[in-house]
Protein backbone atom coordinates (compact mmCIF):
# COMPACT_ATOMS: atom_id res chain seq x y z
CA UNK A 1 -104.13 6.98 -9.18
CA UNK A 2 -105.27 9.14 -6.30
CA UNK A 3 -102.17 10.87 -4.98
CA UNK A 4 -100.97 11.27 -1.36
CA UNK A 5 -102.38 14.77 -0.86
CA UNK A 6 -105.90 13.72 -1.82
CA UNK A 7 -105.76 10.51 0.23
CA UNK A 8 -104.46 12.42 3.26
CA UNK A 9 -107.18 15.04 2.77
CA UNK A 10 -109.87 12.30 2.91
CA UNK A 11 -111.01 12.93 -0.67
CA UNK A 12 -110.68 9.32 -1.87
CA UNK A 13 -114.38 8.52 -1.63
CA UNK A 14 -115.51 11.74 -3.30
CA UNK A 15 -113.02 11.25 -6.14
CA UNK A 16 -114.07 7.64 -6.72
CA UNK A 17 -117.71 8.75 -6.70
CA UNK A 18 -116.93 11.36 -9.39
CA UNK A 19 -115.14 8.72 -11.46
CA UNK A 20 -118.05 6.29 -11.24
CA UNK A 21 -120.64 8.99 -11.90
CA UNK A 22 -118.70 9.87 -15.07
CA UNK A 23 -119.39 6.35 -16.32
CA UNK A 24 -116.13 4.62 -15.47
CA UNK A 25 -116.11 1.12 -14.05
CA UNK A 26 -113.46 0.44 -11.40
CA UNK A 27 -112.09 -3.02 -12.22
CA UNK A 28 -109.10 -2.96 -9.84
CA UNK A 29 -108.34 -0.79 -6.82
CA UNK A 30 -106.08 -0.88 -3.79
CA UNK A 31 -104.55 1.39 -1.21
CA UNK A 32 -100.76 1.21 -0.97
CA UNK A 33 -97.68 3.29 -0.32
CA UNK A 34 -94.74 3.58 -2.68
CA UNK A 35 -91.15 3.48 -1.51
CA UNK A 36 -88.95 6.23 -2.99
CA UNK A 37 -87.40 3.56 -5.23
CA UNK A 38 -90.79 2.37 -6.53
CA UNK A 39 -91.92 5.97 -7.07
CA UNK A 40 -88.73 6.52 -9.05
CA UNK A 41 -89.49 3.48 -11.19
CA UNK A 42 -93.02 4.70 -11.89
CA UNK A 43 -91.80 8.16 -12.91
CA UNK A 44 -88.60 6.96 -14.63
CA UNK A 45 -89.57 8.90 -17.77
CA UNK A 46 -88.89 12.08 -15.78
CA UNK A 47 -85.50 10.94 -14.42
CA UNK A 48 -83.58 13.77 -16.14
CA UNK A 49 -86.08 16.49 -15.19
CA UNK A 50 -85.23 18.89 -12.35
CA UNK A 51 -88.38 17.97 -10.41
CA UNK A 52 -87.72 14.20 -10.44
CA UNK A 53 -86.36 13.86 -6.88
CA UNK A 54 -89.10 16.05 -5.42
CA UNK A 55 -91.69 13.96 -7.29
CA UNK A 56 -90.23 10.73 -5.89
CA UNK A 57 -90.27 12.17 -2.38
CA UNK A 58 -93.83 13.45 -2.71
CA UNK A 59 -95.21 10.25 -4.26
CA UNK A 60 -93.71 8.15 -1.46
CA UNK A 61 -94.86 10.52 1.31
CA UNK A 62 -98.19 8.81 1.97
CA UNK A 63 -100.78 6.36 0.78
CA UNK A 64 -102.00 6.30 -2.82
CA UNK A 65 -104.97 4.59 -4.45
CA UNK A 66 -104.15 3.16 -7.88
CA UNK A 67 -107.08 1.96 -10.00
CA UNK A 68 -107.75 0.34 -13.32
CA UNK A 69 -110.78 1.87 -14.98
CA UNK A 70 -112.85 0.86 -18.00
CA UNK A 71 -114.96 2.98 -20.30
CA UNK A 72 -115.19 3.78 -24.01
CA UNK A 73 -112.59 6.48 -24.77
CA UNK A 74 -111.33 6.01 -21.21
CA UNK A 75 -108.04 7.91 -21.53
CA UNK A 76 -109.48 11.01 -23.19
CA UNK A 77 -112.56 11.07 -20.98
CA UNK A 78 -110.51 10.60 -17.81
CA UNK A 79 -108.07 13.35 -18.71
CA UNK A 80 -111.03 15.68 -19.20
CA UNK A 81 -112.53 14.61 -15.84
CA UNK A 82 -109.32 15.21 -13.91
CA UNK A 83 -108.52 18.60 -15.48
CA UNK A 84 -105.29 20.41 -16.24
CA UNK A 85 -102.12 19.41 -14.38
CA UNK A 86 -101.99 22.88 -12.86
CA UNK A 87 -105.16 23.15 -10.77
CA UNK A 88 -105.19 26.93 -11.24
CA UNK A 89 -105.81 26.24 -14.95
CA UNK A 90 -108.21 23.32 -14.47
CA UNK A 91 -111.82 23.74 -15.51
CA UNK A 92 -114.51 24.13 -12.85
CA UNK A 93 -115.92 20.82 -11.70
CA UNK A 94 -112.81 18.78 -12.51
CA UNK A 95 -111.13 16.64 -9.87
CA UNK A 96 -108.03 18.83 -9.79
CA UNK A 97 -110.02 22.06 -9.53
CA UNK A 98 -111.93 20.62 -6.59
CA UNK A 99 -109.23 18.71 -4.71
CA UNK A 100 -105.69 19.66 -5.81
CA UNK A 101 -103.49 21.74 -3.53
CA UNK A 102 -100.80 22.75 -6.05
CA UNK A 103 -99.11 21.84 -9.31
CA UNK A 104 -97.20 19.03 -7.57
CA UNK A 105 -99.92 18.00 -5.11
CA UNK A 106 -102.57 17.83 -7.82
CA UNK A 107 -104.73 15.05 -6.34
CA UNK A 108 -104.70 12.52 -9.16
CA UNK A 109 -102.68 10.97 -11.96
CA UNK A 110 -104.18 9.78 -15.23
CA UNK A 111 -102.47 7.86 -18.01
CA UNK A 112 -101.87 9.84 -21.20
CA UNK A 113 -102.36 6.97 -23.67
CA UNK A 114 -103.85 3.48 -23.87
CA UNK A 115 -100.32 2.06 -24.01
CA UNK A 116 -99.25 3.89 -20.84
CA UNK A 117 -102.50 2.91 -19.12
CA UNK A 118 -101.61 -0.73 -19.68
CA UNK A 119 -98.01 -0.23 -18.48
CA UNK A 120 -99.12 1.73 -15.43
CA UNK A 121 -101.88 -0.75 -14.60
CA UNK A 122 -99.39 -3.60 -14.74
CA UNK A 123 -97.02 -1.62 -12.50
CA UNK A 124 -99.57 -1.68 -9.67
CA UNK A 125 -101.53 -4.82 -10.48
CA UNK A 126 -99.52 -7.84 -11.62
CA UNK A 127 -100.53 -8.88 -15.11
CA UNK A 128 -101.33 -12.34 -13.76
CA UNK A 129 -103.82 -11.07 -11.16
CA UNK A 130 -107.50 -11.34 -11.94
CA UNK A 131 -109.41 -8.08 -11.76
């Protein structure tokens, strides 16, 4: 998912290009905006963390671009492509090193497991939709 800071900064096309050039196939994509409630549902795992309310506010502050991607070893390869959560620690050439503004406004979200990728994909794209 391309986050509000990267969408607002007009980096959506460049990020999608990097994703496709890394061998991923975009099988579903849309531009949408989360309500604070929906953002809270997406990040419910962090409900008890001190940053939860700020995260909800940030993630509902502007448009996002969720995607479903396909590739062999998709989760591991995507996490490498996006870089460390903290862009100051991200490797050169990664999406976060190139486009993130801060630890919170870090341009992109990537699922951390195949199971979460399926859950997160279904959150944005109804399981009954064809994509």
